[in-house]
N, C-alpha and C. Protein backbone atom coordinates (compact mmCIF):
# COMPACT_ATOMS: atom_id res chain seq x y z
N MET A 1 127.37 121.82 106.98
CA MET A 1 127.75 121.41 108.31
C MET A 1 126.84 120.26 108.73
N ARG A 2 127.43 119.18 109.19
CA ARG A 2 126.68 118.00 109.58
C ARG A 2 126.59 117.94 111.10
N ARG A 3 125.42 117.88 111.63
CA ARG A 3 125.20 117.80 113.07
C ARG A 3 124.42 116.53 113.38
N THR A 4 124.94 115.75 114.31
CA THR A 4 124.27 114.51 114.71
C THR A 4 122.88 114.80 115.25
N SER A 5 122.73 115.88 116.01
CA SER A 5 121.42 116.21 116.58
C SER A 5 120.38 116.41 115.49
N ALA A 6 120.75 117.07 114.41
CA ALA A 6 119.81 117.30 113.30
C ALA A 6 119.45 116.00 112.61
N ILE A 7 120.41 115.10 112.48
CA ILE A 7 120.15 113.80 111.86
C ILE A 7 119.19 112.99 112.74
N VAL A 8 119.44 112.97 114.05
CA VAL A 8 118.57 112.22 114.97
C VAL A 8 117.16 112.81 114.94
N LEU A 9 117.05 114.13 114.97
CA LEU A 9 115.74 114.77 114.93
C LEU A 9 115.03 114.46 113.61
N ALA A 10 115.75 114.51 112.51
CA ALA A 10 115.16 114.20 111.21
C ALA A 10 114.66 112.76 111.16
N LEU A 11 115.43 111.83 111.72
CA LEU A 11 115.00 110.42 111.75
C LEU A 11 113.76 110.25 112.62
N GLY A 12 113.73 110.92 113.78
CA GLY A 12 112.55 110.88 114.63
C GLY A 12 111.34 111.47 113.92
N ALA A 13 111.56 112.53 113.17
CA ALA A 13 110.47 113.16 112.42
C ALA A 13 109.92 112.24 111.35
N VAL A 14 110.80 111.53 110.65
CA VAL A 14 110.35 110.56 109.64
C VAL A 14 109.54 109.45 110.31
N TRP A 15 109.96 109.03 111.50
CA TRP A 15 109.23 108.01 112.25
C TRP A 15 107.80 108.50 112.55
N VAL A 16 107.69 109.76 113.00
CA VAL A 16 106.37 110.32 113.29
C VAL A 16 105.53 110.42 112.01
N MET A 17 106.16 110.79 110.91
CA MET A 17 105.43 110.86 109.64
C MET A 17 104.92 109.48 109.25
N ALA A 18 105.74 108.44 109.42
CA ALA A 18 105.33 107.08 109.09
C ALA A 18 104.17 106.62 109.98
N LEU A 19 104.25 106.94 111.27
CA LEU A 19 103.15 106.60 112.19
C LEU A 19 101.87 107.32 111.77
N GLY A 20 101.99 108.57 111.40
CA GLY A 20 100.83 109.33 110.96
C GLY A 20 100.21 108.73 109.71
N ALA A 21 101.04 108.36 108.76
CA ALA A 21 100.53 107.74 107.54
C ALA A 21 99.83 106.42 107.87
N HIS A 22 100.43 105.65 108.77
CA HIS A 22 99.81 104.38 109.18
C HIS A 22 98.44 104.62 109.81
N PHE A 23 98.36 105.56 110.76
CA PHE A 23 97.08 105.84 111.42
C PHE A 23 96.04 106.32 110.41
N ALA A 24 96.44 107.18 109.50
CA ALA A 24 95.48 107.76 108.55
C ALA A 24 95.02 106.74 107.51
N LEU A 25 95.91 105.87 107.08
CA LEU A 25 95.59 105.02 105.93
C LEU A 25 95.34 103.56 106.25
N PHE A 26 95.94 103.02 107.32
CA PHE A 26 95.91 101.58 107.51
C PHE A 26 95.33 101.10 108.84
N ARG A 27 95.27 101.94 109.84
CA ARG A 27 94.83 101.47 111.16
C ARG A 27 93.35 101.15 111.16
N ALA A 28 93.03 100.01 111.73
CA ALA A 28 91.62 99.62 111.87
C ALA A 28 90.96 100.52 112.92
N PRO A 29 89.70 100.86 112.74
CA PRO A 29 89.03 101.73 113.72
C PRO A 29 89.05 101.13 115.13
N LEU A 30 88.82 99.84 115.23
CA LEU A 30 88.87 99.16 116.52
C LEU A 30 89.69 97.89 116.36
N SER A 31 90.83 97.85 117.03
CA SER A 31 91.71 96.70 116.96
C SER A 31 91.40 95.71 118.08
N ALA A 32 92.01 94.55 118.02
CA ALA A 32 91.85 93.56 119.09
C ALA A 32 92.33 94.14 120.42
N GLU A 33 93.39 94.93 120.36
CA GLU A 33 93.91 95.58 121.57
C GLU A 33 92.89 96.55 122.15
N ASP A 34 92.21 97.30 121.29
CA ASP A 34 91.16 98.22 121.74
C ASP A 34 90.05 97.44 122.44
N MET A 35 89.67 96.32 121.86
CA MET A 35 88.59 95.50 122.44
C MET A 35 88.99 94.99 123.82
N ARG A 36 90.24 94.56 123.97
CA ARG A 36 90.72 94.11 125.29
C ARG A 36 90.69 95.26 126.29
N TYR A 37 91.14 96.43 125.88
CA TYR A 37 91.16 97.59 126.78
C TYR A 37 89.74 97.98 127.19
N LEU A 38 88.81 97.97 126.24
CA LEU A 38 87.43 98.35 126.52
C LEU A 38 86.66 97.23 127.23
N ASP A 39 87.21 96.02 127.20
CA ASP A 39 86.58 94.84 127.80
C ASP A 39 85.18 94.62 127.20
N ARG A 40 85.11 94.75 125.88
CA ARG A 40 83.86 94.57 125.15
C ARG A 40 84.17 93.87 123.82
N SER A 41 83.16 93.26 123.26
CA SER A 41 83.31 92.68 121.93
C SER A 41 82.90 93.73 120.90
N LEU A 42 83.37 93.54 119.68
CA LEU A 42 83.00 94.45 118.60
C LEU A 42 81.48 94.42 118.38
N GLU A 43 80.92 93.24 118.48
CA GLU A 43 79.48 93.10 118.28
C GLU A 43 78.69 93.90 119.32
N SER A 44 79.12 93.85 120.59
CA SER A 44 78.39 94.59 121.63
C SER A 44 78.52 96.10 121.43
N LEU A 45 79.66 96.54 120.93
CA LEU A 45 79.83 97.98 120.66
C LEU A 45 78.98 98.42 119.47
N GLU A 46 78.85 97.56 118.47
CA GLU A 46 78.04 97.90 117.30
C GLU A 46 76.56 98.00 117.65
N VAL A 47 76.13 97.22 118.65
CA VAL A 47 74.74 97.30 119.09
C VAL A 47 74.49 98.64 119.78
N VAL A 48 75.41 99.04 120.65
CA VAL A 48 75.26 100.27 121.42
C VAL A 48 75.47 101.50 120.53
N SER A 49 76.46 101.42 119.64
CA SER A 49 76.80 102.57 118.80
C SER A 49 77.16 102.08 117.40
N PRO A 50 76.17 101.93 116.54
CA PRO A 50 76.44 101.39 115.20
C PRO A 50 77.37 102.25 114.34
N ALA A 51 77.45 103.53 114.61
CA ALA A 51 78.29 104.43 113.80
C ALA A 51 79.70 104.58 114.35
N LEU A 52 80.03 103.86 115.43
CA LEU A 52 81.34 104.03 116.08
C LEU A 52 82.50 103.75 115.13
N ASN A 53 82.43 102.65 114.38
CA ASN A 53 83.52 102.31 113.46
C ASN A 53 83.79 103.40 112.43
N SER A 54 82.74 103.90 111.81
CA SER A 54 82.95 104.93 110.78
C SER A 54 83.44 106.23 111.41
N TRP A 55 82.96 106.55 112.60
CA TRP A 55 83.43 107.75 113.29
C TRP A 55 84.91 107.62 113.65
N LEU A 56 85.31 106.49 114.22
CA LEU A 56 86.71 106.30 114.61
C LEU A 56 87.63 106.31 113.40
N GLN A 57 87.15 105.79 112.26
CA GLN A 57 87.96 105.84 111.04
C GLN A 57 88.27 107.28 110.67
N ARG A 58 87.30 108.16 110.80
CA ARG A 58 87.52 109.59 110.53
C ARG A 58 88.46 110.21 111.55
N VAL A 59 88.29 109.84 112.81
CA VAL A 59 89.16 110.36 113.87
C VAL A 59 90.61 109.97 113.60
N PHE A 60 90.85 108.71 113.24
CA PHE A 60 92.21 108.26 112.98
C PHE A 60 92.79 108.90 111.72
N TYR A 61 91.94 109.18 110.74
CA TYR A 61 92.41 109.87 109.54
C TYR A 61 92.91 111.28 109.91
N VAL A 62 92.11 111.99 110.69
CA VAL A 62 92.50 113.35 111.10
C VAL A 62 93.73 113.29 112.00
N MET A 63 93.73 112.40 112.98
CA MET A 63 94.87 112.29 113.89
C MET A 63 96.14 111.92 113.13
N GLY A 64 96.02 110.99 112.19
CA GLY A 64 97.18 110.60 111.38
C GLY A 64 97.69 111.76 110.54
N GLY A 65 96.77 112.57 110.02
CA GLY A 65 97.18 113.74 109.26
C GLY A 65 97.96 114.73 110.11
N TYR A 66 97.49 114.93 111.34
CA TYR A 66 98.21 115.82 112.25
C TYR A 66 99.57 115.24 112.63
N MET A 67 99.63 113.94 112.84
CA MET A 67 100.92 113.32 113.15
C MET A 67 101.89 113.50 111.98
N PHE A 68 101.40 113.25 110.77
CA PHE A 68 102.24 113.41 109.59
C PHE A 68 102.72 114.85 109.47
N ALA A 69 101.81 115.82 109.67
CA ALA A 69 102.16 117.23 109.56
C ALA A 69 103.18 117.62 110.64
N THR A 70 103.02 117.11 111.85
CA THR A 70 103.98 117.39 112.92
C THR A 70 105.36 116.86 112.54
N GLY A 71 105.40 115.63 112.03
CA GLY A 71 106.68 115.05 111.60
C GLY A 71 107.31 115.83 110.47
N LEU A 72 106.50 116.26 109.52
CA LEU A 72 107.02 117.04 108.39
C LEU A 72 107.60 118.37 108.86
N ALA A 73 106.89 119.04 109.76
CA ALA A 73 107.40 120.32 110.29
C ALA A 73 108.70 120.11 111.06
N MET A 74 108.77 119.05 111.86
CA MET A 74 109.99 118.77 112.61
C MET A 74 111.14 118.41 111.68
N PHE A 75 110.83 117.69 110.60
CA PHE A 75 111.87 117.36 109.63
C PHE A 75 112.44 118.64 109.02
N TYR A 76 111.55 119.55 108.67
CA TYR A 76 112.01 120.82 108.10
C TYR A 76 112.89 121.58 109.10
N ILE A 77 112.46 121.63 110.34
CA ILE A 77 113.26 122.32 111.37
C ILE A 77 114.61 121.62 111.54
N ALA A 78 114.61 120.28 111.48
CA ALA A 78 115.86 119.53 111.65
C ALA A 78 116.88 119.89 110.57
N VAL A 79 116.43 119.97 109.33
CA VAL A 79 117.38 120.20 108.23
C VAL A 79 117.66 121.68 107.99
N THR A 80 116.95 122.56 108.69
CA THR A 80 117.20 123.99 108.53
C THR A 80 117.69 124.58 109.86
N GLY A 81 116.79 125.05 110.67
CA GLY A 81 117.14 125.78 111.89
C GLY A 81 117.91 124.97 112.92
N PHE A 82 117.60 123.69 113.08
CA PHE A 82 118.30 122.87 114.07
C PHE A 82 119.74 122.63 113.61
N ARG A 83 119.90 122.36 112.32
CA ARG A 83 121.24 122.10 111.78
C ARG A 83 122.13 123.33 111.86
N THR A 84 121.55 124.51 111.62
CA THR A 84 122.36 125.73 111.63
C THR A 84 122.36 126.41 113.00
N ARG A 85 121.67 125.82 113.97
CA ARG A 85 121.58 126.36 115.33
C ARG A 85 120.93 127.74 115.34
N ALA A 86 119.87 127.88 114.56
CA ALA A 86 119.14 129.16 114.52
C ALA A 86 118.51 129.42 115.89
N ARG A 87 118.48 130.67 116.26
CA ARG A 87 117.89 131.07 117.53
C ARG A 87 116.43 130.60 117.60
N GLY A 88 116.07 129.96 118.68
CA GLY A 88 114.71 129.49 118.89
C GLY A 88 114.43 128.09 118.39
N ALA A 89 115.36 127.49 117.65
CA ALA A 89 115.11 126.15 117.09
C ALA A 89 114.95 125.10 118.19
N ALA A 90 115.85 125.11 119.16
CA ALA A 90 115.79 124.11 120.23
C ALA A 90 114.53 124.28 121.07
N LEU A 91 114.16 125.51 121.36
CA LEU A 91 112.95 125.76 122.14
C LEU A 91 111.71 125.30 121.37
N THR A 92 111.67 125.57 120.08
CA THR A 92 110.55 125.13 119.25
C THR A 92 110.44 123.61 119.26
N VAL A 93 111.56 122.93 119.10
CA VAL A 93 111.57 121.46 119.10
C VAL A 93 111.17 120.93 120.47
N ALA A 94 111.65 121.55 121.53
CA ALA A 94 111.31 121.09 122.88
C ALA A 94 109.82 121.23 123.17
N VAL A 95 109.25 122.38 122.85
CA VAL A 95 107.82 122.62 123.13
C VAL A 95 106.96 121.74 122.23
N ALA A 96 107.28 121.68 120.94
CA ALA A 96 106.50 120.85 120.02
C ALA A 96 106.60 119.37 120.40
N GLY A 97 107.78 118.93 120.78
CA GLY A 97 107.96 117.54 121.19
C GLY A 97 107.20 117.22 122.46
N ALA A 98 107.22 118.13 123.43
CA ALA A 98 106.50 117.90 124.69
C ALA A 98 104.99 117.83 124.43
N ALA A 99 104.49 118.71 123.56
CA ALA A 99 103.05 118.76 123.29
C ALA A 99 102.57 117.58 122.46
N SER A 100 103.42 117.04 121.61
CA SER A 100 102.98 115.96 120.72
C SER A 100 103.49 114.61 121.20
N ILE A 101 104.75 114.37 121.03
CA ILE A 101 105.34 113.08 121.39
C ILE A 101 105.34 112.87 122.89
N GLY A 102 105.55 113.95 123.65
CA GLY A 102 105.53 113.83 125.11
C GLY A 102 104.18 113.36 125.62
N GLY A 103 103.11 113.92 125.08
CA GLY A 103 101.77 113.49 125.47
C GLY A 103 101.52 112.04 125.11
N MET A 104 101.96 111.65 123.92
CA MET A 104 101.80 110.27 123.50
C MET A 104 102.57 109.32 124.42
N ALA A 105 103.77 109.72 124.83
CA ALA A 105 104.59 108.89 125.71
C ALA A 105 103.95 108.73 127.08
N VAL A 106 103.39 109.81 127.61
CA VAL A 106 102.74 109.74 128.92
C VAL A 106 101.57 108.76 128.87
N ILE A 107 100.73 108.88 127.85
CA ILE A 107 99.60 107.95 127.72
C ILE A 107 100.12 106.53 127.54
N GLY A 108 101.19 106.36 126.77
CA GLY A 108 101.78 105.04 126.59
C GLY A 108 102.25 104.44 127.91
N LEU A 109 102.86 105.25 128.74
CA LEU A 109 103.32 104.77 130.05
C LEU A 109 102.13 104.41 130.94
N LEU A 110 101.09 105.22 130.90
CA LEU A 110 99.91 104.96 131.74
C LEU A 110 99.18 103.69 131.32
N THR A 111 99.31 103.32 130.06
CA THR A 111 98.62 102.13 129.57
C THR A 111 99.60 100.98 129.32
N ALA A 112 100.77 101.07 129.93
CA ALA A 112 101.80 100.01 129.85
C ALA A 112 102.26 99.72 128.43
N LYS A 113 102.33 100.74 127.60
CA LYS A 113 102.85 100.62 126.24
C LYS A 113 104.25 101.22 126.22
N TRP A 114 105.20 100.52 126.78
CA TRP A 114 106.56 101.04 126.98
C TRP A 114 107.24 101.37 125.66
N HIS A 115 106.90 100.67 124.58
CA HIS A 115 107.54 100.92 123.29
C HIS A 115 107.25 102.33 122.76
N VAL A 116 106.13 102.91 123.18
CA VAL A 116 105.79 104.27 122.75
C VAL A 116 106.82 105.27 123.27
N LEU A 117 107.45 104.94 124.38
CA LEU A 117 108.46 105.82 124.97
C LEU A 117 109.68 105.98 124.06
N LEU A 118 109.94 105.00 123.21
CA LEU A 118 111.12 105.06 122.34
C LEU A 118 111.15 106.30 121.45
N ILE A 119 110.03 106.65 120.88
CA ILE A 119 110.02 107.81 119.99
C ILE A 119 110.27 109.10 120.77
N ALA A 120 109.78 109.16 122.01
CA ALA A 120 110.06 110.33 122.85
C ALA A 120 111.54 110.37 123.20
N LEU A 121 112.15 109.22 123.39
CA LEU A 121 113.58 109.18 123.70
C LEU A 121 114.43 109.67 122.52
N VAL A 122 113.99 109.40 121.30
CA VAL A 122 114.69 109.92 120.11
C VAL A 122 114.64 111.44 120.12
N TRP A 123 113.48 112.02 120.44
CA TRP A 123 113.31 113.47 120.51
C TRP A 123 114.25 114.04 121.58
N LEU A 124 114.24 113.41 122.75
CA LEU A 124 115.10 113.89 123.85
C LEU A 124 116.58 113.76 123.50
N LEU A 125 116.95 112.67 122.82
CA LEU A 125 118.33 112.48 122.40
C LEU A 125 118.76 113.60 121.45
N ALA A 126 117.89 113.96 120.51
CA ALA A 126 118.22 115.04 119.58
C ALA A 126 118.45 116.34 120.34
N LEU A 127 117.61 116.64 121.33
CA LEU A 127 117.80 117.86 122.12
C LEU A 127 119.07 117.80 122.96
N ALA A 128 119.37 116.65 123.53
CA ALA A 128 120.60 116.52 124.33
C ALA A 128 121.82 116.68 123.44
N LEU A 129 121.82 116.06 122.28
CA LEU A 129 122.95 116.21 121.35
C LEU A 129 123.10 117.65 120.90
N TYR A 130 121.99 118.32 120.69
CA TYR A 130 122.01 119.73 120.30
C TYR A 130 122.75 120.55 121.36
N GLN A 131 122.42 120.30 122.62
CA GLN A 131 123.09 121.02 123.71
C GLN A 131 124.57 120.68 123.78
N ILE A 132 124.91 119.42 123.65
CA ILE A 132 126.31 118.99 123.69
C ILE A 132 127.10 119.60 122.54
N GLU A 133 126.50 119.59 121.34
CA GLU A 133 127.17 120.17 120.17
C GLU A 133 127.39 121.67 120.36
N GLY A 134 126.52 122.33 121.10
CA GLY A 134 126.63 123.77 121.31
C GLY A 134 127.68 124.16 122.33
N LEU A 135 128.17 123.20 123.11
CA LEU A 135 129.15 123.52 124.14
C LEU A 135 130.44 124.08 123.56
N GLY A 136 130.86 123.55 122.43
CA GLY A 136 132.11 124.03 121.85
C GLY A 136 131.93 124.73 120.53
N GLY A 137 130.69 124.94 120.12
CA GLY A 137 130.43 125.51 118.80
C GLY A 137 130.13 126.98 118.84
N ALA A 138 129.72 127.46 117.70
CA ALA A 138 129.36 128.88 117.56
C ALA A 138 128.02 129.14 118.23
N PRO A 139 127.82 130.35 118.69
CA PRO A 139 126.52 130.68 119.30
C PRO A 139 125.40 130.65 118.27
N ALA A 140 124.19 130.56 118.75
CA ALA A 140 123.03 130.54 117.86
C ALA A 140 122.93 131.87 117.12
N ARG A 141 122.44 131.78 115.87
CA ARG A 141 122.26 132.98 115.06
C ARG A 141 120.80 133.14 114.73
N ALA A 142 120.42 134.36 114.49
CA ALA A 142 119.06 134.62 114.03
C ALA A 142 118.90 134.05 112.64
N PRO A 143 117.72 133.56 112.27
CA PRO A 143 117.50 133.02 110.93
C PRO A 143 117.88 134.04 109.86
N GLY A 144 118.57 133.57 108.83
CA GLY A 144 118.94 134.44 107.73
C GLY A 144 120.24 135.19 107.93
N VAL A 145 120.85 135.08 109.11
CA VAL A 145 122.10 135.78 109.39
C VAL A 145 123.24 134.81 109.09
N ALA A 146 124.10 135.20 108.17
CA ALA A 146 125.20 134.34 107.77
C ALA A 146 126.28 134.29 108.83
N ALA A 147 126.98 133.16 108.86
CA ALA A 147 128.11 133.01 109.78
C ALA A 147 129.23 133.92 109.33
N PRO A 148 130.07 134.38 110.29
CA PRO A 148 131.19 135.23 109.91
C PRO A 148 132.14 134.46 108.97
N ALA A 149 132.74 135.18 108.05
CA ALA A 149 133.66 134.56 107.10
C ALA A 149 134.92 134.08 107.83
N ALA A 150 135.41 132.90 107.41
CA ALA A 150 136.64 132.34 108.01
C ALA A 150 137.83 133.17 107.56
N ARG A 151 138.79 133.32 108.45
CA ARG A 151 139.98 134.12 108.12
C ARG A 151 141.16 133.25 107.92
């Protein structure tokens, strides 16, 4: 059974996995954007805190790993429980999305990074499609419970 909501959620999850991989493997500890936000030069920060760069590299590695893991878990939910409308799948996606992508979107809005909102909108679109698809479909089933046989 093909559900648009599951496809959208899976694509959003892959996006989060890619962002996580980027943060863990490629993001500079302090970017030019960071320097503008902090209103400091890299040299002045190195004088005050010489270990800041190496510490932030570790922080971004851990944060990227968590982002990747969140995306991977959401991908799995998209292709299993979300696709089959398992009981609790939508609530799990809603809470996990609010705690992860929702938090990122709020910070993005507070710092005028409107593009960060796009990934949250993908999450919300998947949940909205899930609800729309459920209007005329079968009720949610407990995991592992097969659908009734067609007559």
